[in-house]
Amino acid sequence: EQLLKMMEERMMDVEQKLRLVKRLLQDKVNQLKEQLSKNTKADAMVKDLYVENAQLLKALEKTEQRQKTAERKNYLLEEKIANLTRIVKNLASPSFN
């Protein structure tokens, strides 16, 4: 009878430990589910940022191309101004003589 009582106590102890382990495992499962949810949201944000970055790079390339075009046009206009200034000086020079 004493052996039976000891076995019952051991069984109760084992059951209590099992309940504790089950609770700890459930907590871990909940924690992992929450982490998975956070990771999923972060992954979606990274994808959105990747798309946005690609769009910004395209916009930057267009802006840089426009700037180069504007610089070329500006250079040509400065050349024309210099030529016109030279022509005006040449036209004005004989009239002062």
N, C-alpha and C. Protein backbone atom coordinates (compact mmCIF):
# COMPACT_ATOMS: atom_id res chain seq x y z
N GLU A 1 0.83 -1.20 0.00
CA GLU A 1 0.00 0.00 0.00
C GLU A 1 0.87 1.26 0.00
N GLN A 2 1.95 1.19 0.73
CA GLN A 2 2.85 2.34 0.77
C GLN A 2 3.48 2.55 -0.62
N LEU A 3 3.80 1.48 -1.29
CA LEU A 3 4.36 1.55 -2.63
C LEU A 3 3.36 2.17 -3.60
N LEU A 4 2.12 1.80 -3.45
CA LEU A 4 1.05 2.35 -4.28
C LEU A 4 0.93 3.85 -4.04
N LYS A 5 0.99 4.25 -2.77
CA LYS A 5 0.90 5.67 -2.43
C LYS A 5 2.08 6.44 -3.02
N MET A 6 3.27 5.87 -2.95
CA MET A 6 4.45 6.52 -3.52
C MET A 6 4.31 6.66 -5.05
N MET A 7 3.77 5.62 -5.66
CA MET A 7 3.59 5.67 -7.11
C MET A 7 2.55 6.72 -7.49
N GLU A 8 1.50 6.84 -6.69
CA GLU A 8 0.48 7.87 -6.94
C GLU A 8 1.09 9.26 -6.81
N GLU A 9 1.92 9.47 -5.79
CA GLU A 9 2.57 10.77 -5.59
C GLU A 9 3.51 11.08 -6.76
N ARG A 10 4.25 10.07 -7.19
CA ARG A 10 5.14 10.27 -8.34
C ARG A 10 4.35 10.60 -9.60
N MET A 11 3.22 9.90 -9.77
CA MET A 11 2.38 10.16 -10.92
C MET A 11 1.81 11.57 -10.87
N MET A 12 1.38 12.02 -9.72
CA MET A 12 0.86 13.38 -9.56
C MET A 12 1.97 14.40 -9.85
N ASP A 13 3.17 14.08 -9.35
CA ASP A 13 4.31 14.96 -9.59
C ASP A 13 4.62 15.04 -11.09
N VAL A 14 4.62 13.89 -11.75
CA VAL A 14 4.87 13.84 -13.19
C VAL A 14 3.77 14.60 -13.94
N GLU A 15 2.52 14.42 -13.55
CA GLU A 15 1.42 15.12 -14.20
C GLU A 15 1.56 16.63 -14.02
N GLN A 16 1.95 17.05 -12.84
CA GLN A 16 2.15 18.48 -12.59
C GLN A 16 3.27 19.03 -13.47
N LYS A 17 4.36 18.27 -13.55
CA LYS A 17 5.47 18.69 -14.41
C LYS A 17 5.04 18.72 -15.87
N LEU A 18 4.24 17.77 -16.28
CA LEU A 18 3.75 17.75 -17.65
C LEU A 18 2.87 18.96 -17.95
N ARG A 19 2.00 19.31 -16.99
CA ARG A 19 1.16 20.50 -17.16
C ARG A 19 2.02 21.75 -17.29
N LEU A 20 3.07 21.83 -16.47
CA LEU A 20 3.98 22.97 -16.54
C LEU A 20 4.68 23.02 -17.90
N VAL A 21 5.17 21.89 -18.36
CA VAL A 21 5.84 21.83 -19.66
C VAL A 21 4.86 22.20 -20.78
N LYS A 22 3.63 21.70 -20.66
CA LYS A 22 2.61 22.01 -21.67
C LYS A 22 2.34 23.51 -21.70
N ARG A 23 2.25 24.13 -20.54
CA ARG A 23 2.01 25.57 -20.46
C ARG A 23 3.20 26.35 -21.05
N LEU A 24 4.40 25.90 -20.73
CA LEU A 24 5.59 26.56 -21.28
C LEU A 24 5.64 26.41 -22.80
N LEU A 25 5.30 25.22 -23.29
CA LEU A 25 5.28 25.00 -24.74
C LEU A 25 4.22 25.87 -25.41
N GLN A 26 3.07 25.99 -24.78
CA GLN A 26 2.01 26.82 -25.35
C GLN A 26 2.45 28.29 -25.39
N ASP A 27 3.11 28.74 -24.32
CA ASP A 27 3.64 30.10 -24.31
C ASP A 27 4.63 30.30 -25.45
N LYS A 28 5.48 29.31 -25.66
CA LYS A 28 6.47 29.40 -26.74
C LYS A 28 5.78 29.41 -28.10
N VAL A 29 4.75 28.59 -28.26
CA VAL A 29 3.99 28.57 -29.51
C VAL A 29 3.38 29.94 -29.77
N ASN A 30 2.78 30.53 -28.74
CA ASN A 30 2.17 31.86 -28.88
C ASN A 30 3.23 32.91 -29.24
N GLN A 31 4.38 32.80 -28.59
CA GLN A 31 5.46 33.73 -28.87
C GLN A 31 5.93 33.60 -30.32
N LEU A 32 6.06 32.36 -30.79
CA LEU A 32 6.50 32.14 -32.16
C LEU A 32 5.46 32.60 -33.18
N LYS A 33 4.19 32.42 -32.86
CA LYS A 33 3.13 32.91 -33.75
C LYS A 33 3.20 34.43 -33.86
N GLU A 34 3.40 35.07 -32.72
CA GLU A 34 3.50 36.53 -32.72
C GLU A 34 4.72 36.99 -33.53
N GLN A 35 5.83 36.28 -33.36
CA GLN A 35 7.04 36.63 -34.12
C GLN A 35 6.83 36.41 -35.60
N LEU A 36 6.13 35.34 -35.97
CA LEU A 36 5.82 35.08 -37.37
C LEU A 36 4.98 36.21 -37.96
N SER A 37 4.01 36.67 -37.19
CA SER A 37 3.16 37.77 -37.64
C SER A 37 4.00 39.03 -37.86
N LYS A 38 4.87 39.31 -36.91
CA LYS A 38 5.74 40.49 -37.05
C LYS A 38 6.66 40.35 -38.26
N ASN A 39 7.21 39.16 -38.45
CA ASN A 39 8.10 38.93 -39.59
C ASN A 39 7.36 39.08 -40.92
N THR A 40 6.12 38.62 -40.95
CA THR A 40 5.31 38.75 -42.16
C THR A 40 5.08 40.21 -42.49
N LYS A 41 4.74 41.00 -41.47
CA LYS A 41 4.53 42.43 -41.68
C LYS A 41 5.83 43.10 -42.12
N ALA A 42 6.94 42.74 -41.49
CA ALA A 42 8.23 43.32 -41.86
C ALA A 42 8.59 42.95 -43.29
N ASP A 43 8.30 41.72 -43.69
CA ASP A 43 8.59 41.27 -45.05
C ASP A 43 7.78 42.10 -46.06
N ALA A 44 6.52 42.33 -45.75
CA ALA A 44 5.68 43.15 -46.64
C ALA A 44 6.22 44.57 -46.73
N MET A 45 6.67 45.10 -45.61
CA MET A 45 7.23 46.46 -45.61
C MET A 45 8.51 46.51 -46.45
N VAL A 46 9.33 45.50 -46.33
CA VAL A 46 10.58 45.45 -47.11
C VAL A 46 10.25 45.41 -48.60
N LYS A 47 9.27 44.61 -48.97
CA LYS A 47 8.87 44.54 -50.38
C LYS A 47 8.35 45.89 -50.87
N ASP A 48 7.53 46.55 -50.06
CA ASP A 48 7.02 47.88 -50.42
C ASP A 48 8.17 48.87 -50.58
N LEU A 49 9.12 48.83 -49.66
CA LEU A 49 10.27 49.73 -49.74
C LEU A 49 11.11 49.45 -50.98
N TYR A 50 11.22 48.17 -51.33
CA TYR A 50 11.98 47.79 -52.52
C TYR A 50 11.33 48.39 -53.77
N VAL A 51 10.01 48.28 -53.85
CA VAL A 51 9.28 48.84 -55.00
C VAL A 51 9.42 50.36 -55.02
N GLU A 52 9.24 50.97 -53.85
CA GLU A 52 9.35 52.43 -53.77
C GLU A 52 10.77 52.89 -54.15
N ASN A 53 11.77 52.15 -53.71
CA ASN A 53 13.15 52.49 -54.04
C ASN A 53 13.38 52.42 -55.55
N ALA A 54 12.82 51.39 -56.18
CA ALA A 54 12.96 51.26 -57.64
C ALA A 54 12.31 52.45 -58.35
N GLN A 55 11.14 52.86 -57.87
CA GLN A 55 10.46 54.01 -58.47
C GLN A 55 11.27 55.29 -58.27
N LEU A 56 11.84 55.44 -57.08
CA LEU A 56 12.65 56.63 -56.81
C LEU A 56 13.91 56.65 -57.68
N LEU A 57 14.50 55.48 -57.90
CA LEU A 57 15.69 55.42 -58.76
C LEU A 57 15.34 55.82 -60.19
N LYS A 58 14.20 55.37 -60.69
CA LYS A 58 13.77 55.76 -62.04
C LYS A 58 13.55 57.26 -62.11
N ALA A 59 12.89 57.82 -61.09
CA ALA A 59 12.65 59.26 -61.06
C ALA A 59 13.98 60.02 -61.01
N LEU A 60 14.93 59.52 -60.23
CA LEU A 60 16.25 60.16 -60.14
C LEU A 60 16.96 60.12 -61.49
N GLU A 61 16.90 58.97 -62.17
CA GLU A 61 17.54 58.86 -63.48
C GLU A 61 16.93 59.87 -64.46
N LYS A 62 15.60 59.99 -64.46
CA LYS A 62 14.94 60.96 -65.35
C LYS A 62 15.38 62.38 -65.01
N THR A 63 15.44 62.68 -63.72
CA THR A 63 15.84 64.02 -63.29
C THR A 63 17.27 64.32 -63.70
N GLU A 64 18.16 63.33 -63.53
CA GLU A 64 19.55 63.52 -63.94
C GLU A 64 19.66 63.72 -65.45
N GLN A 65 18.85 62.98 -66.21
CA GLN A 65 18.86 63.13 -67.66
C GLN A 65 18.37 64.52 -68.05
N ARG A 66 17.32 65.00 -67.39
CA ARG A 66 16.82 66.35 -67.67
C ARG A 66 17.88 67.40 -67.33
N GLN A 67 18.59 67.17 -66.22
CA GLN A 67 19.63 68.12 -65.84
C GLN A 67 20.73 68.16 -66.90
N LYS A 68 21.15 66.99 -67.39
CA LYS A 68 22.18 66.95 -68.43
C LYS A 68 21.70 67.67 -69.69
N THR A 69 20.44 67.44 -70.04
CA THR A 69 19.88 68.11 -71.22
C THR A 69 19.87 69.62 -71.02
N ALA A 70 19.45 70.06 -69.84
CA ALA A 70 19.42 71.49 -69.54
C ALA A 70 20.82 72.07 -69.56
N GLU A 71 21.80 71.33 -69.04
CA GLU A 71 23.19 71.81 -69.06
C GLU A 71 23.70 71.94 -70.50
N ARG A 72 23.36 70.96 -71.34
CA ARG A 72 23.77 71.04 -72.76
C ARG A 72 23.13 72.25 -73.44
N LYS A 73 21.83 72.45 -73.20
CA LYS A 73 21.14 73.59 -73.81
C LYS A 73 21.74 74.90 -73.29
N ASN A 74 22.05 74.93 -72.01
CA ASN A 74 22.65 76.12 -71.42
C ASN A 74 24.00 76.41 -72.07
N TYR A 75 24.79 75.37 -72.28
CA TYR A 75 26.10 75.54 -72.92
C TYR A 75 25.93 76.08 -74.33
N LEU A 76 24.98 75.52 -75.08
CA LEU A 76 24.74 75.99 -76.46
C LEU A 76 24.28 77.44 -76.47
N LEU A 77 23.42 77.80 -75.52
CA LEU A 77 22.96 79.19 -75.43
C LEU A 77 24.12 80.13 -75.11
N GLU A 78 25.00 79.71 -74.21
CA GLU A 78 26.17 80.54 -73.88
C GLU A 78 27.08 80.71 -75.10
N GLU A 79 27.21 79.64 -75.89
CA GLU A 79 28.00 79.73 -77.12
C GLU A 79 27.35 80.73 -78.09
N LYS A 80 26.04 80.65 -78.22
CA LYS A 80 25.32 81.58 -79.12
C LYS A 80 25.48 83.01 -78.64
N ILE A 81 25.37 83.20 -77.32
CA ILE A 81 25.53 84.55 -76.77
C ILE A 81 26.93 85.07 -77.07
N ALA A 82 27.92 84.22 -76.87
CA ALA A 82 29.30 84.63 -77.14
C ALA A 82 29.47 84.99 -78.62
N ASN A 83 28.89 84.19 -79.51
CA ASN A 83 28.97 84.47 -80.95
C ASN A 83 28.24 85.75 -81.30
N LEU A 84 27.05 85.94 -80.72
CA LEU A 84 26.30 87.17 -81.00
C LEU A 84 27.04 88.39 -80.47
N THR A 85 27.66 88.24 -79.31
CA THR A 85 28.43 89.35 -78.74
C THR A 85 29.59 89.70 -79.66
N ARG A 86 30.26 88.69 -80.18
CA ARG A 86 31.37 88.91 -81.11
C ARG A 86 30.88 89.59 -82.38
N ILE A 87 29.72 89.15 -82.89
CA ILE A 87 29.16 89.75 -84.11
C ILE A 87 28.81 91.21 -83.86
N VAL A 88 28.19 91.48 -82.70
CA VAL A 88 27.81 92.86 -82.38
C VAL A 88 29.05 93.72 -82.25
N LYS A 89 30.09 93.21 -81.63
CA LYS A 89 31.34 93.98 -81.50
C LYS A 89 31.94 94.26 -82.87
N ASN A 90 31.89 93.24 -83.74
CA ASN A 90 32.43 93.42 -85.09
C ASN A 90 31.61 94.44 -85.87
N LEU A 91 30.31 94.42 -85.71
CA LEU A 91 29.45 95.38 -86.41
C LEU A 91 29.63 96.78 -85.86
N ALA A 92 29.82 96.87 -84.56
CA ALA A 92 29.96 98.18 -83.92
C ALA A 92 31.33 98.77 -84.13
N SER A 93 32.36 97.98 -84.29
CA SER A 93 33.73 98.46 -84.45
C SER A 93 33.88 99.38 -85.68
N PRO A 94 33.44 99.00 -86.84
CA PRO A 94 33.64 99.87 -88.00
C PRO A 94 32.89 101.18 -87.87
N SER A 95 31.77 101.21 -87.20
CA SER A 95 31.02 102.46 -87.10
C SER A 95 31.71 103.46 -86.19
N PHE A 96 32.55 102.98 -85.29
CA PHE A 96 33.28 103.92 -84.43
C PHE A 96 34.52 104.45 -85.12
N ASN A 97 34.99 103.76 -86.15
CA ASN A 97 36.19 104.21 -86.85
C ASN A 97 35.80 105.32 -87.73
